[in-house]
Amino acid sequence: KKIMRRLLFLISCLLCMGLSAQNARKVLDTAASKIKKSGDVEVSFTATSFQGTTEQGRTEGTMLLKGKKMHMDTKEMKTWYDGKTLWSYMPQSGEVNMTNPTSKEIAAMHPYAFLDTYKQGYKLSMKDGNLRGQATYVVHLQARYAGNLTEEIYIDIRKSDYTLLCVRVKQDGNWNRIAIHDFKSGLKLSNEQFTFNPSMYPDAEVIDLR
């Protein structure tokens, strides 16, 4: 009888996990569809980095997002990403670093990076949550294997309209959090807004690290 009860308990747990994964996939599908229909957007955000559970740094700014492309503007740094090359300009040093970032590196900066990753390579689960006084779905993505995938991702999605409120990304044991506050959708942004324009920063030193 004990063995039978344990088997029944295990089966019920597996069924619940399967339903949780299916529901998480549906929520992500709905949120992803809404994001893609929003067109080009501008968002205001707060980004926080942690070492373990200790906050290491925090910054606020705005982002322009056009598909995979991104332009981020904070008082510490300006970045442009055209889908391949990333330019990072630091006003204090007057330097611009050019790199070809990995998918992991982009996931730590781009709040919509999960759109291209959640359908494969991850175990999905979901629970109810509350963020900034709003009921949310908290979707958890756990990488199935080590490699180029981000270790873990938590995505907070508002229940009422499937709006993305926060993304938390774990890399090398540490967390980066991007909290999204306001956004303007349906914009028409040019590709030039996602590449570094040397004429706008004539005194900057460009360092090619690709």
N, C-alpha and C. Protein backbone atom coordinates (compact mmCIF):
# COMPACT_ATOMS: atom_id res chain seq x y z
N LYS A 1 0.83 -1.20 0.00
CA LYS A 1 0.00 0.00 0.00
C LYS A 1 0.87 1.26 0.00
N LYS A 2 1.96 1.23 0.82
CA LYS A 2 2.84 2.39 0.87
C LYS A 2 3.45 2.65 -0.50
N ILE A 3 3.88 1.57 -1.16
CA ILE A 3 4.49 1.72 -2.48
C ILE A 3 3.48 2.29 -3.47
N MET A 4 2.24 1.79 -3.40
CA MET A 4 1.20 2.28 -4.31
C MET A 4 0.91 3.76 -4.07
N ARG A 5 0.87 4.17 -2.77
CA ARG A 5 0.62 5.58 -2.46
C ARG A 5 1.76 6.45 -2.98
N ARG A 6 2.99 5.97 -2.83
CA ARG A 6 4.14 6.73 -3.32
C ARG A 6 4.09 6.89 -4.84
N LEU A 7 3.71 5.80 -5.52
CA LEU A 7 3.61 5.86 -6.97
C LEU A 7 2.53 6.84 -7.41
N LEU A 8 1.38 6.79 -6.72
CA LEU A 8 0.28 7.71 -7.05
C LEU A 8 0.70 9.15 -6.80
N PHE A 9 1.43 9.37 -5.70
CA PHE A 9 1.90 10.72 -5.39
C PHE A 9 2.88 11.20 -6.45
N LEU A 10 3.79 10.33 -6.87
CA LEU A 10 4.76 10.68 -7.89
C LEU A 10 4.07 11.00 -9.21
N ILE A 11 3.08 10.17 -9.58
CA ILE A 11 2.35 10.40 -10.83
C ILE A 11 1.61 11.74 -10.78
N SER A 12 0.98 12.04 -9.64
CA SER A 12 0.25 13.31 -9.52
C SER A 12 1.21 14.50 -9.60
N CYS A 13 2.41 14.34 -9.02
CA CYS A 13 3.40 15.41 -9.11
C CYS A 13 3.84 15.64 -10.54
N LEU A 14 4.07 14.55 -11.25
CA LEU A 14 4.49 14.66 -12.65
C LEU A 14 3.40 15.30 -13.50
N LEU A 15 2.15 14.93 -13.23
CA LEU A 15 1.04 15.53 -13.98
C LEU A 15 0.93 17.02 -13.71
N CYS A 16 1.11 17.40 -12.43
CA CYS A 16 1.06 18.83 -12.08
C CYS A 16 2.19 19.60 -12.74
N MET A 17 3.39 18.99 -12.77
CA MET A 17 4.52 19.64 -13.43
C MET A 17 4.26 19.81 -14.91
N GLY A 18 3.64 18.77 -15.51
CA GLY A 18 3.33 18.86 -16.93
C GLY A 18 2.32 19.95 -17.23
N LEU A 19 1.29 20.06 -16.38
CA LEU A 19 0.29 21.11 -16.56
C LEU A 19 0.90 22.48 -16.34
N SER A 20 1.78 22.60 -15.34
CA SER A 20 2.44 23.88 -15.08
C SER A 20 3.27 24.31 -16.28
N ALA A 21 4.00 23.35 -16.88
CA ALA A 21 4.82 23.67 -18.06
C ALA A 21 3.95 24.10 -19.23
N GLN A 22 2.82 23.40 -19.43
CA GLN A 22 1.91 23.76 -20.52
C GLN A 22 1.33 25.16 -20.31
N ASN A 23 0.91 25.45 -19.08
CA ASN A 23 0.34 26.76 -18.79
C ASN A 23 1.39 27.86 -18.93
N ALA A 24 2.62 27.56 -18.49
CA ALA A 24 3.70 28.54 -18.63
C ALA A 24 3.97 28.84 -20.10
N ARG A 25 3.95 27.80 -20.92
CA ARG A 25 4.17 27.98 -22.36
C ARG A 25 3.06 28.85 -22.97
N LYS A 26 1.81 28.62 -22.55
CA LYS A 26 0.69 29.41 -23.08
C LYS A 26 0.84 30.88 -22.69
N VAL A 27 1.24 31.13 -21.44
CA VAL A 27 1.42 32.51 -20.98
C VAL A 27 2.54 33.19 -21.76
N LEU A 28 3.66 32.50 -21.95
CA LEU A 28 4.76 33.07 -22.72
C LEU A 28 4.37 33.29 -24.17
N ASP A 29 3.63 32.35 -24.75
CA ASP A 29 3.17 32.52 -26.13
C ASP A 29 2.30 33.77 -26.27
N THR A 30 1.41 33.97 -25.30
CA THR A 30 0.52 35.12 -25.34
C THR A 30 1.29 36.42 -25.16
N ALA A 31 2.21 36.44 -24.20
CA ALA A 31 3.02 37.63 -23.96
C ALA A 31 3.90 37.94 -25.17
N ALA A 32 4.51 36.90 -25.76
CA ALA A 32 5.37 37.09 -26.92
C ALA A 32 4.58 37.63 -28.11
N SER A 33 3.36 37.12 -28.30
CA SER A 33 2.51 37.60 -29.39
C SER A 33 2.18 39.08 -29.20
N LYS A 34 1.88 39.47 -27.94
CA LYS A 34 1.57 40.87 -27.67
C LYS A 34 2.77 41.76 -27.95
N ILE A 35 3.97 41.31 -27.53
CA ILE A 35 5.19 42.10 -27.74
C ILE A 35 5.44 42.30 -29.23
N LYS A 36 5.29 41.22 -30.01
CA LYS A 36 5.56 41.32 -31.44
C LYS A 36 4.56 42.24 -32.14
N LYS A 37 3.31 42.26 -31.65
CA LYS A 37 2.29 43.12 -32.25
C LYS A 37 2.47 44.58 -31.84
N SER A 38 3.26 44.82 -30.78
CA SER A 38 3.44 46.19 -30.29
C SER A 38 4.32 47.02 -31.20
N GLY A 39 5.06 46.36 -32.10
CA GLY A 39 5.96 47.09 -32.98
C GLY A 39 7.16 47.61 -32.22
N ASP A 40 7.77 48.67 -32.73
CA ASP A 40 8.91 49.27 -32.07
C ASP A 40 8.44 49.98 -30.80
N VAL A 41 9.26 49.89 -29.74
CA VAL A 41 8.81 50.45 -28.46
C VAL A 41 9.93 51.24 -27.78
N GLU A 42 9.50 52.10 -26.87
CA GLU A 42 10.41 52.79 -25.95
C GLU A 42 9.98 52.46 -24.54
N VAL A 43 10.91 52.02 -23.70
CA VAL A 43 10.58 51.66 -22.33
C VAL A 43 11.49 52.39 -21.36
N SER A 44 10.95 52.69 -20.19
CA SER A 44 11.78 53.16 -19.09
C SER A 44 12.00 51.98 -18.15
N PHE A 45 13.18 51.92 -17.55
CA PHE A 45 13.53 50.72 -16.78
C PHE A 45 14.46 51.07 -15.63
N THR A 46 14.54 50.12 -14.70
CA THR A 46 15.57 50.12 -13.66
C THR A 46 16.30 48.80 -13.75
N ALA A 47 17.61 48.84 -13.90
CA ALA A 47 18.43 47.63 -13.98
C ALA A 47 19.26 47.50 -12.71
N THR A 48 19.25 46.30 -12.13
CA THR A 48 19.96 46.04 -10.88
C THR A 48 20.79 44.78 -11.04
N SER A 49 22.04 44.82 -10.58
CA SER A 49 22.90 43.63 -10.61
C SER A 49 23.15 43.16 -9.19
N PHE A 50 23.24 41.84 -9.03
CA PHE A 50 23.45 41.24 -7.72
C PHE A 50 24.61 40.26 -7.76
N GLN A 51 25.34 40.19 -6.67
CA GLN A 51 26.31 39.11 -6.47
C GLN A 51 25.74 38.26 -5.35
N GLY A 52 25.26 37.09 -5.72
CA GLY A 52 24.47 36.31 -4.77
C GLY A 52 23.16 37.05 -4.53
N THR A 53 22.92 37.43 -3.27
CA THR A 53 21.73 38.21 -2.95
C THR A 53 22.06 39.66 -2.61
N THR A 54 23.34 40.02 -2.74
CA THR A 54 23.78 41.38 -2.40
C THR A 54 23.76 42.27 -3.63
N GLU A 55 23.04 43.38 -3.53
CA GLU A 55 22.98 44.32 -4.66
C GLU A 55 24.34 44.95 -4.90
N GLN A 56 24.78 44.93 -6.15
CA GLN A 56 26.08 45.47 -6.53
C GLN A 56 25.98 46.81 -7.25
N GLY A 57 24.88 47.04 -7.92
CA GLY A 57 24.75 48.29 -8.65
C GLY A 57 23.35 48.43 -9.20
N ARG A 58 22.97 49.70 -9.47
CA ARG A 58 21.63 49.98 -9.98
C ARG A 58 21.70 51.20 -10.88
N THR A 59 20.93 51.17 -11.96
CA THR A 59 20.86 52.32 -12.84
C THR A 59 19.47 52.41 -13.45
N GLU A 60 19.11 53.61 -13.87
CA GLU A 60 17.82 53.84 -14.51
C GLU A 60 18.05 54.46 -15.87
N GLY A 61 17.12 54.22 -16.78
CA GLY A 61 17.27 54.81 -18.10
C GLY A 61 16.11 54.45 -19.00
N THR A 62 16.37 54.58 -20.29
CA THR A 62 15.37 54.25 -21.31
C THR A 62 15.98 53.31 -22.34
N MET A 63 15.12 52.57 -23.00
CA MET A 63 15.54 51.68 -24.08
C MET A 63 14.63 51.89 -25.28
N LEU A 64 15.24 51.85 -26.46
CA LEU A 64 14.49 51.73 -27.70
C LEU A 64 14.67 50.30 -28.18
N LEU A 65 13.57 49.63 -28.54
CA LEU A 65 13.62 48.23 -28.94
C LEU A 65 12.94 48.05 -30.29
N LYS A 66 13.64 47.40 -31.19
CA LYS A 66 13.10 47.11 -32.53
C LYS A 66 13.52 45.68 -32.88
N GLY A 67 12.64 44.72 -32.57
CA GLY A 67 13.02 43.32 -32.76
C GLY A 67 14.20 42.99 -31.86
N LYS A 68 15.28 42.47 -32.45
CA LYS A 68 16.48 42.16 -31.68
C LYS A 68 17.34 43.39 -31.40
N LYS A 69 17.07 44.46 -32.10
CA LYS A 69 17.88 45.67 -31.97
C LYS A 69 17.53 46.41 -30.67
N MET A 70 18.53 47.13 -30.13
CA MET A 70 18.35 47.81 -28.86
C MET A 70 19.25 49.04 -28.79
N HIS A 71 18.72 50.10 -28.22
CA HIS A 71 19.51 51.27 -27.85
C HIS A 71 19.18 51.62 -26.42
N MET A 72 20.18 51.59 -25.54
CA MET A 72 19.97 51.84 -24.13
C MET A 72 20.71 53.12 -23.73
N ASP A 73 20.04 53.94 -22.95
CA ASP A 73 20.60 55.23 -22.56
C ASP A 73 20.46 55.41 -21.06
N THR A 74 21.61 55.42 -20.35
CA THR A 74 21.65 55.72 -18.92
C THR A 74 22.72 56.79 -18.70
N LYS A 75 22.80 57.32 -17.50
CA LYS A 75 23.80 58.35 -17.24
C LYS A 75 25.21 57.77 -17.24
N GLU A 76 25.33 56.46 -16.97
CA GLU A 76 26.65 55.84 -16.94
C GLU A 76 27.12 55.36 -18.30
N MET A 77 26.19 55.01 -19.18
CA MET A 77 26.57 54.37 -20.44
C MET A 77 25.47 54.50 -21.48
N LYS A 78 25.89 54.55 -22.72
CA LYS A 78 24.97 54.46 -23.84
C LYS A 78 25.38 53.24 -24.67
N THR A 79 24.42 52.43 -25.09
CA THR A 79 24.73 51.27 -25.91
C THR A 79 23.83 51.24 -27.13
N TRP A 80 24.40 50.73 -28.22
CA TRP A 80 23.65 50.51 -29.45
C TRP A 80 23.90 49.06 -29.87
N TYR A 81 22.85 48.35 -30.23
CA TYR A 81 22.99 46.95 -30.67
C TYR A 81 22.13 46.76 -31.91
N ASP A 82 22.77 46.39 -33.02
CA ASP A 82 22.05 46.26 -34.30
C ASP A 82 21.66 44.82 -34.62
N GLY A 83 21.76 43.96 -33.63
CA GLY A 83 21.46 42.54 -33.83
C GLY A 83 22.71 41.69 -33.97
N LYS A 84 23.86 42.34 -34.14
CA LYS A 84 25.13 41.64 -34.25
C LYS A 84 26.22 42.34 -33.45
N THR A 85 26.41 43.62 -33.72
CA THR A 85 27.47 44.39 -33.08
C THR A 85 26.90 45.26 -31.97
N LEU A 86 27.64 45.32 -30.85
CA LEU A 86 27.27 46.15 -29.71
C LEU A 86 28.32 47.23 -29.53
N TRP A 87 27.85 48.48 -29.48
CA TRP A 87 28.72 49.61 -29.18
C TRP A 87 28.39 50.10 -27.78
N SER A 88 29.38 50.21 -26.92
CA SER A 88 29.17 50.67 -25.55
C SER A 88 30.00 51.93 -25.32
N TYR A 89 29.32 53.05 -25.11
CA TYR A 89 30.00 54.33 -24.93
C TYR A 89 29.90 54.77 -23.48
N MET A 90 31.07 55.03 -22.86
CA MET A 90 31.13 55.48 -21.48
C MET A 90 31.63 56.92 -21.47
N PRO A 91 30.74 57.87 -21.17
CA PRO A 91 31.11 59.29 -21.21
C PRO A 91 32.31 59.64 -20.33
N GLN A 92 32.45 58.99 -19.17
CA GLN A 92 33.54 59.34 -18.26
C GLN A 92 34.91 59.03 -18.85
N SER A 93 35.00 57.92 -19.59
CA SER A 93 36.29 57.54 -20.17
C SER A 93 36.44 58.04 -21.60
N GLY A 94 35.31 58.37 -22.24
CA GLY A 94 35.37 58.81 -23.62
C GLY A 94 35.66 57.69 -24.60
N GLU A 95 35.42 56.43 -24.17
CA GLU A 95 35.72 55.27 -25.00
C GLU A 95 34.43 54.61 -25.50
N VAL A 96 34.54 54.03 -26.68
CA VAL A 96 33.47 53.23 -27.26
C VAL A 96 34.02 51.84 -27.54
N ASN A 97 33.49 50.82 -26.87
CA ASN A 97 33.92 49.45 -27.10
C ASN A 97 32.98 48.76 -28.07
N MET A 98 33.55 48.15 -29.10
CA MET A 98 32.77 47.39 -30.07
C MET A 98 32.97 45.91 -29.82
N THR A 99 31.87 45.17 -29.66
CA THR A 99 31.93 43.72 -29.45
C THR A 99 30.83 43.04 -30.23
N ASN A 100 30.97 41.73 -30.40
CA ASN A 100 29.90 40.88 -30.91
C ASN A 100 29.44 40.02 -29.74
N PRO A 101 28.44 40.46 -28.99
CA PRO A 101 28.07 39.79 -27.75
C PRO A 101 27.43 38.42 -27.99
N THR A 102 27.55 37.56 -26.98
CA THR A 102 26.90 36.24 -27.01
C THR A 102 25.43 36.40 -26.64
N SER A 103 24.67 35.35 -26.86
CA SER A 103 23.25 35.38 -26.50
C SER A 103 23.09 35.55 -25.00
N LYS A 104 24.01 35.00 -24.21
CA LYS A 104 23.96 35.17 -22.76
C LYS A 104 24.12 36.63 -22.39
N GLU A 105 25.07 37.30 -23.02
CA GLU A 105 25.32 38.71 -22.70
C GLU A 105 24.13 39.59 -23.08
N ILE A 106 23.52 39.29 -24.22
CA ILE A 106 22.35 40.05 -24.64
C ILE A 106 21.17 39.81 -23.71
N ALA A 107 21.03 38.56 -23.23
CA ALA A 107 19.92 38.23 -22.33
C ALA A 107 19.97 39.06 -21.05
N ALA A 108 21.18 39.45 -20.62
CA ALA A 108 21.33 40.24 -19.40
C ALA A 108 20.92 41.69 -19.61
N MET A 109 20.82 42.13 -20.87
CA MET A 109 20.51 43.53 -21.16
C MET A 109 19.16 43.73 -21.82
N HIS A 110 18.79 42.81 -22.71
CA HIS A 110 17.61 42.99 -23.55
C HIS A 110 16.41 42.29 -22.92
N PRO A 111 15.39 43.03 -22.47
CA PRO A 111 14.27 42.39 -21.77
C PRO A 111 13.45 41.44 -22.63
N TYR A 112 13.57 41.54 -23.96
CA TYR A 112 12.79 40.68 -24.84
C TYR A 112 13.63 39.54 -25.43
N ALA A 113 14.84 39.35 -24.91
CA ALA A 113 15.72 38.31 -25.47
C ALA A 113 15.12 36.92 -25.34
N PHE A 114 14.27 36.71 -24.32
CA PHE A 114 13.69 35.39 -24.11
C PHE A 114 12.79 34.95 -25.26
N LEU A 115 12.34 35.88 -26.08
CA LEU A 115 11.42 35.54 -27.18
C LEU A 115 12.01 34.51 -28.12
N ASP A 116 13.33 34.49 -28.26
CA ASP A 116 13.98 33.57 -29.18
C ASP A 116 14.50 32.31 -28.50
N THR A 117 14.30 32.20 -27.18
CA THR A 117 14.93 31.09 -26.48
C THR A 117 13.99 30.16 -25.73
N TYR A 118 12.82 30.64 -25.32
CA TYR A 118 12.03 29.87 -24.37
C TYR A 118 11.43 28.59 -24.96
N LYS A 119 11.38 28.49 -26.30
CA LYS A 119 10.72 27.35 -26.91
C LYS A 119 11.59 26.10 -26.98
N GLN A 120 12.86 26.25 -26.68
CA GLN A 120 13.72 25.06 -26.71
C GLN A 120 14.87 25.21 -25.71
N GLY A 121 15.23 24.09 -25.10
CA GLY A 121 16.37 24.09 -24.19
C GLY A 121 16.05 24.42 -22.75
N TYR A 122 14.78 24.73 -22.45
CA TYR A 122 14.42 25.12 -21.09
C TYR A 122 13.28 24.28 -20.54
N LYS A 123 13.34 24.04 -19.24
CA LYS A 123 12.20 23.49 -18.50
C LYS A 123 11.39 24.67 -18.00
N LEU A 124 10.08 24.62 -18.21
CA LEU A 124 9.21 25.74 -17.84
C LEU A 124 8.35 25.37 -16.64
N SER A 125 8.15 26.34 -15.77
CA SER A 125 7.20 26.19 -14.67
C SER A 125 6.63 27.58 -14.38
N MET A 126 5.56 27.63 -13.58
CA MET A 126 4.91 28.91 -13.35
C MET A 126 4.19 28.90 -12.01
N LYS A 127 4.14 30.09 -11.39
CA LYS A 127 3.37 30.27 -10.16
C LYS A 127 2.75 31.67 -10.19
N ASP A 128 1.81 31.90 -9.30
CA ASP A 128 1.20 33.22 -9.18
C ASP A 128 2.11 34.13 -8.36
N GLY A 129 2.06 35.42 -8.67
CA GLY A 129 2.87 36.37 -7.93
C GLY A 129 2.18 37.72 -7.84
N ASN A 130 2.87 38.66 -7.22
CA ASN A 130 2.37 40.04 -7.10
C ASN A 130 3.58 40.96 -7.16
N LEU A 131 3.55 41.88 -8.10
CA LEU A 131 4.67 42.80 -8.28
C LEU A 131 4.14 44.22 -8.39
N ARG A 132 4.65 45.08 -7.54
CA ARG A 132 4.24 46.49 -7.51
C ARG A 132 2.72 46.61 -7.39
N GLY A 133 2.11 45.71 -6.58
CA GLY A 133 0.68 45.74 -6.34
C GLY A 133 -0.17 45.18 -7.45
N GLN A 134 0.45 44.47 -8.40
CA GLN A 134 -0.28 43.92 -9.54
C GLN A 134 -0.12 42.40 -9.59
N ALA A 135 -1.23 41.71 -9.82
CA ALA A 135 -1.20 40.25 -9.91
C ALA A 135 -0.42 39.82 -11.15
N THR A 136 0.47 38.85 -10.98
CA THR A 136 1.34 38.44 -12.08
C THR A 136 1.42 36.92 -12.22
N TYR A 137 1.79 36.50 -13.41
CA TYR A 137 2.30 35.16 -13.63
C TYR A 137 3.82 35.25 -13.50
N VAL A 138 4.41 34.36 -12.70
CA VAL A 138 5.87 34.31 -12.58
C VAL A 138 6.33 33.04 -13.28
N VAL A 139 6.90 33.20 -14.47
CA VAL A 139 7.33 32.06 -15.27
C VAL A 139 8.82 31.82 -15.04
N HIS A 140 9.18 30.59 -14.77
CA HIS A 140 10.57 30.21 -14.50
C HIS A 140 11.09 29.36 -15.65
N LEU A 141 12.22 29.77 -16.21
CA LEU A 141 12.91 29.01 -17.25
C LEU A 141 14.22 28.48 -16.68
N GLN A 142 14.39 27.18 -16.69
CA GLN A 142 15.61 26.53 -16.20
C GLN A 142 16.28 25.81 -17.36
N ALA A 143 17.53 26.16 -17.65
CA ALA A 143 18.25 25.52 -18.76
C ALA A 143 18.37 24.02 -18.51
N ARG A 144 18.12 23.24 -19.55
CA ARG A 144 18.18 21.78 -19.43
C ARG A 144 19.62 21.26 -19.42
N TYR A 145 20.53 22.05 -19.96
CA TYR A 145 21.93 21.61 -20.03
C TYR A 145 22.83 22.83 -20.08
N ALA A 146 24.08 22.64 -19.70
CA ALA A 146 25.05 23.73 -19.75
C ALA A 146 25.43 24.01 -21.20
N GLY A 147 25.75 25.23 -21.46
CA GLY A 147 26.12 25.61 -22.83
C GLY A 147 25.93 27.09 -23.04
N ASN A 148 25.41 27.45 -24.20
CA ASN A 148 25.23 28.86 -24.52
C ASN A 148 23.97 29.48 -23.93
N LEU A 149 23.13 28.64 -23.32
CA LEU A 149 21.88 29.15 -22.76
C LEU A 149 22.12 29.82 -21.41
N THR A 150 21.31 30.81 -21.11
CA THR A 150 21.31 31.43 -19.79
C THR A 150 20.84 30.40 -18.77
N GLU A 151 21.46 30.38 -17.59
CA GLU A 151 21.17 29.35 -16.58
C GLU A 151 19.70 29.35 -16.17
N GLU A 152 19.23 30.50 -15.73
CA GLU A 152 17.85 30.62 -15.27
C GLU A 152 17.29 31.98 -15.66
N ILE A 153 15.98 32.03 -15.87
CA ILE A 153 15.28 33.29 -16.15
C ILE A 153 13.94 33.26 -15.43
N TYR A 154 13.62 34.34 -14.75
CA TYR A 154 12.29 34.54 -14.20
C TYR A 154 11.65 35.70 -14.95
N ILE A 155 10.41 35.52 -15.37
CA ILE A 155 9.70 36.57 -16.11
C ILE A 155 8.39 36.86 -15.40
N ASP A 156 8.21 38.11 -14.99
CA ASP A 156 6.97 38.54 -14.33
C ASP A 156 6.06 39.18 -15.37
N ILE A 157 4.89 38.59 -15.57
CA ILE A 157 3.93 39.04 -16.59
C ILE A 157 2.62 39.40 -15.93
N ARG A 158 2.14 40.61 -16.18
CA ARG A 158 0.88 41.07 -15.57
C ARG A 158 -0.29 40.24 -16.08
N LYS A 159 -1.10 39.74 -15.15
CA LYS A 159 -2.20 38.85 -15.52
C LYS A 159 -3.27 39.55 -16.36
N SER A 160 -3.53 40.80 -16.06
CA SER A 160 -4.66 41.48 -16.68
C SER A 160 -4.50 41.67 -18.18
N ASP A 161 -3.26 41.87 -18.64
CA ASP A 161 -3.08 42.16 -20.07
C ASP A 161 -1.80 41.56 -20.67
N TYR A 162 -1.12 40.68 -19.91
CA TYR A 162 0.08 39.98 -20.38
C TYR A 162 1.22 40.93 -20.73
N THR A 163 1.28 42.05 -19.99
CA THR A 163 2.39 42.98 -20.15
C THR A 163 3.59 42.51 -19.35
N LEU A 164 4.77 42.62 -19.92
CA LEU A 164 6.01 42.23 -19.25
C LEU A 164 6.39 43.30 -18.23
N LEU A 165 6.57 42.90 -16.97
CA LEU A 165 6.90 43.85 -15.92
C LEU A 165 8.34 43.74 -15.44
N CYS A 166 8.90 42.54 -15.50
CA CYS A 166 10.25 42.36 -14.96
C CYS A 166 10.87 41.08 -15.52
N VAL A 167 12.19 41.12 -15.73
CA VAL A 167 12.95 39.94 -16.15
C VAL A 167 14.16 39.81 -15.24
N ARG A 168 14.37 38.62 -14.70
CA ARG A 168 15.55 38.34 -13.87
C ARG A 168 16.35 37.23 -14.54
N VAL A 169 17.63 37.47 -14.71
CA VAL A 169 18.49 36.55 -15.46
C VAL A 169 19.68 36.14 -14.59
N LYS A 170 19.93 34.82 -14.51
CA LYS A 170 21.06 34.30 -13.73
C LYS A 170 22.18 33.87 -14.66
N GLN A 171 23.38 34.39 -14.39
CA GLN A 171 24.57 34.02 -15.15
C GLN A 171 25.75 33.89 -14.21
N ASP A 172 26.43 32.75 -14.29
CA ASP A 172 27.61 32.50 -13.46
C ASP A 172 27.32 32.71 -11.97
N GLY A 173 26.12 32.31 -11.57
CA GLY A 173 25.75 32.38 -10.16
C GLY A 173 25.23 33.72 -9.70
N ASN A 174 25.27 34.73 -10.55
CA ASN A 174 24.81 36.06 -10.18
C ASN A 174 23.58 36.46 -10.99
N TRP A 175 22.84 37.45 -10.49
CA TRP A 175 21.57 37.83 -11.11
C TRP A 175 21.61 39.25 -11.63
N ASN A 176 20.94 39.46 -12.75
CA ASN A 176 20.65 40.79 -13.27
C ASN A 176 19.14 40.92 -13.38
N ARG A 177 18.62 42.07 -12.95
CA ARG A 177 17.17 42.28 -12.98
C ARG A 177 16.85 43.54 -13.79
N ILE A 178 15.91 43.41 -14.71
CA ILE A 178 15.43 44.56 -15.49
C ILE A 178 13.95 44.74 -15.17
N ALA A 179 13.65 45.81 -14.45
CA ALA A 179 12.26 46.13 -14.11
C ALA A 179 11.76 47.17 -15.10
N ILE A 180 10.67 46.85 -15.78
CA ILE A 180 10.10 47.75 -16.79
C ILE A 180 8.96 48.55 -16.17
N HIS A 181 8.99 49.86 -16.34
CA HIS A 181 7.99 50.72 -15.73
C HIS A 181 6.95 51.21 -16.74
N ASP A 182 7.38 51.95 -17.72
CA ASP A 182 6.46 52.49 -18.72
C ASP A 182 6.99 52.17 -20.12
N PHE A 183 6.07 52.05 -21.05
CA PHE A 183 6.53 51.88 -22.43
C PHE A 183 5.54 52.49 -23.41
N LYS A 184 6.11 52.94 -24.52
CA LYS A 184 5.34 53.49 -25.63
C LYS A 184 5.48 52.51 -26.79
N SER A 185 4.36 52.06 -27.33
CA SER A 185 4.40 51.07 -28.40
C SER A 185 3.98 51.69 -29.72
N GLY A 186 4.15 50.90 -30.78
CA GLY A 186 3.73 51.33 -32.10
C GLY A 186 4.58 52.42 -32.71
N LEU A 187 5.83 52.55 -32.26
CA LEU A 187 6.71 53.58 -32.80
C LEU A 187 7.32 53.12 -34.13
N LYS A 188 7.83 54.06 -34.88
CA LYS A 188 8.53 53.76 -36.12
C LYS A 188 9.98 54.21 -35.97
N LEU A 189 10.83 53.29 -35.57
CA LEU A 189 12.23 53.61 -35.30
C LEU A 189 13.10 53.19 -36.49
N SER A 190 14.06 54.02 -36.83
CA SER A 190 14.94 53.72 -37.96
C SER A 190 16.09 52.83 -37.50
N ASN A 191 16.66 52.08 -38.43
CA ASN A 191 17.79 51.21 -38.11
C ASN A 191 19.00 52.00 -37.63
N GLU A 192 19.11 53.26 -38.10
CA GLU A 192 20.26 54.09 -37.72
C GLU A 192 20.27 54.39 -36.22
N GLN A 193 19.13 54.30 -35.57
CA GLN A 193 19.06 54.56 -34.14
C GLN A 193 19.69 53.45 -33.31
N PHE A 194 20.09 52.36 -33.97
CA PHE A 194 20.65 51.21 -33.25
C PHE A 194 22.10 50.95 -33.63
N THR A 195 22.74 51.94 -34.25
CA THR A 195 24.17 51.86 -34.55
C THR A 195 24.86 53.12 -34.05
N PHE A 196 26.09 52.99 -33.65
CA PHE A 196 26.85 54.13 -33.14
C PHE A 196 27.22 55.06 -34.29
N ASN A 197 26.96 56.34 -34.08
CA ASN A 197 27.27 57.37 -35.09
C ASN A 197 28.48 58.17 -34.63
N PRO A 198 29.66 57.94 -35.21
CA PRO A 198 30.88 58.62 -34.76
C PRO A 198 30.79 60.15 -34.84
N SER A 199 30.02 60.66 -35.80
CA SER A 199 29.93 62.11 -35.95
C SER A 199 29.25 62.78 -34.75
N MET A 200 28.46 61.99 -34.00
CA MET A 200 27.81 62.54 -32.81
C MET A 200 28.75 62.59 -31.61
N TYR A 201 29.83 61.83 -31.67
CA TYR A 201 30.81 61.77 -30.58
C TYR A 201 32.21 61.85 -31.18
N PRO A 202 32.58 62.99 -31.76
CA PRO A 202 33.84 63.11 -32.51
C PRO A 202 35.09 62.89 -31.66
N ASP A 203 34.99 63.10 -30.35
CA ASP A 203 36.18 62.97 -29.49
C ASP A 203 36.29 61.57 -28.87
N ALA A 204 35.33 60.71 -29.15
CA ALA A 204 35.35 59.38 -28.54
C ALA A 204 36.39 58.49 -29.22
N GLU A 205 37.05 57.66 -28.42
CA GLU A 205 38.02 56.68 -28.93
C GLU A 205 37.30 55.34 -29.12
N VAL A 206 37.26 54.86 -30.36
CA VAL A 206 36.59 53.60 -30.66
C VAL A 206 37.59 52.45 -30.53
N ILE A 207 37.27 51.48 -29.70
CA ILE A 207 38.12 50.31 -29.47
C ILE A 207 37.39 49.08 -29.97
N ASP A 208 37.92 48.45 -31.01
CA ASP A 208 37.29 47.29 -31.62
C ASP A 208 37.76 46.02 -30.92
N LEU A 209 36.87 45.38 -30.16
CA LEU A 209 37.21 44.17 -29.40
C LEU A 209 36.60 42.92 -30.03
N ARG A 210 36.15 43.01 -31.27
CA ARG A 210 35.52 41.86 -31.91
C ARG A 210 36.55 40.81 -32.30
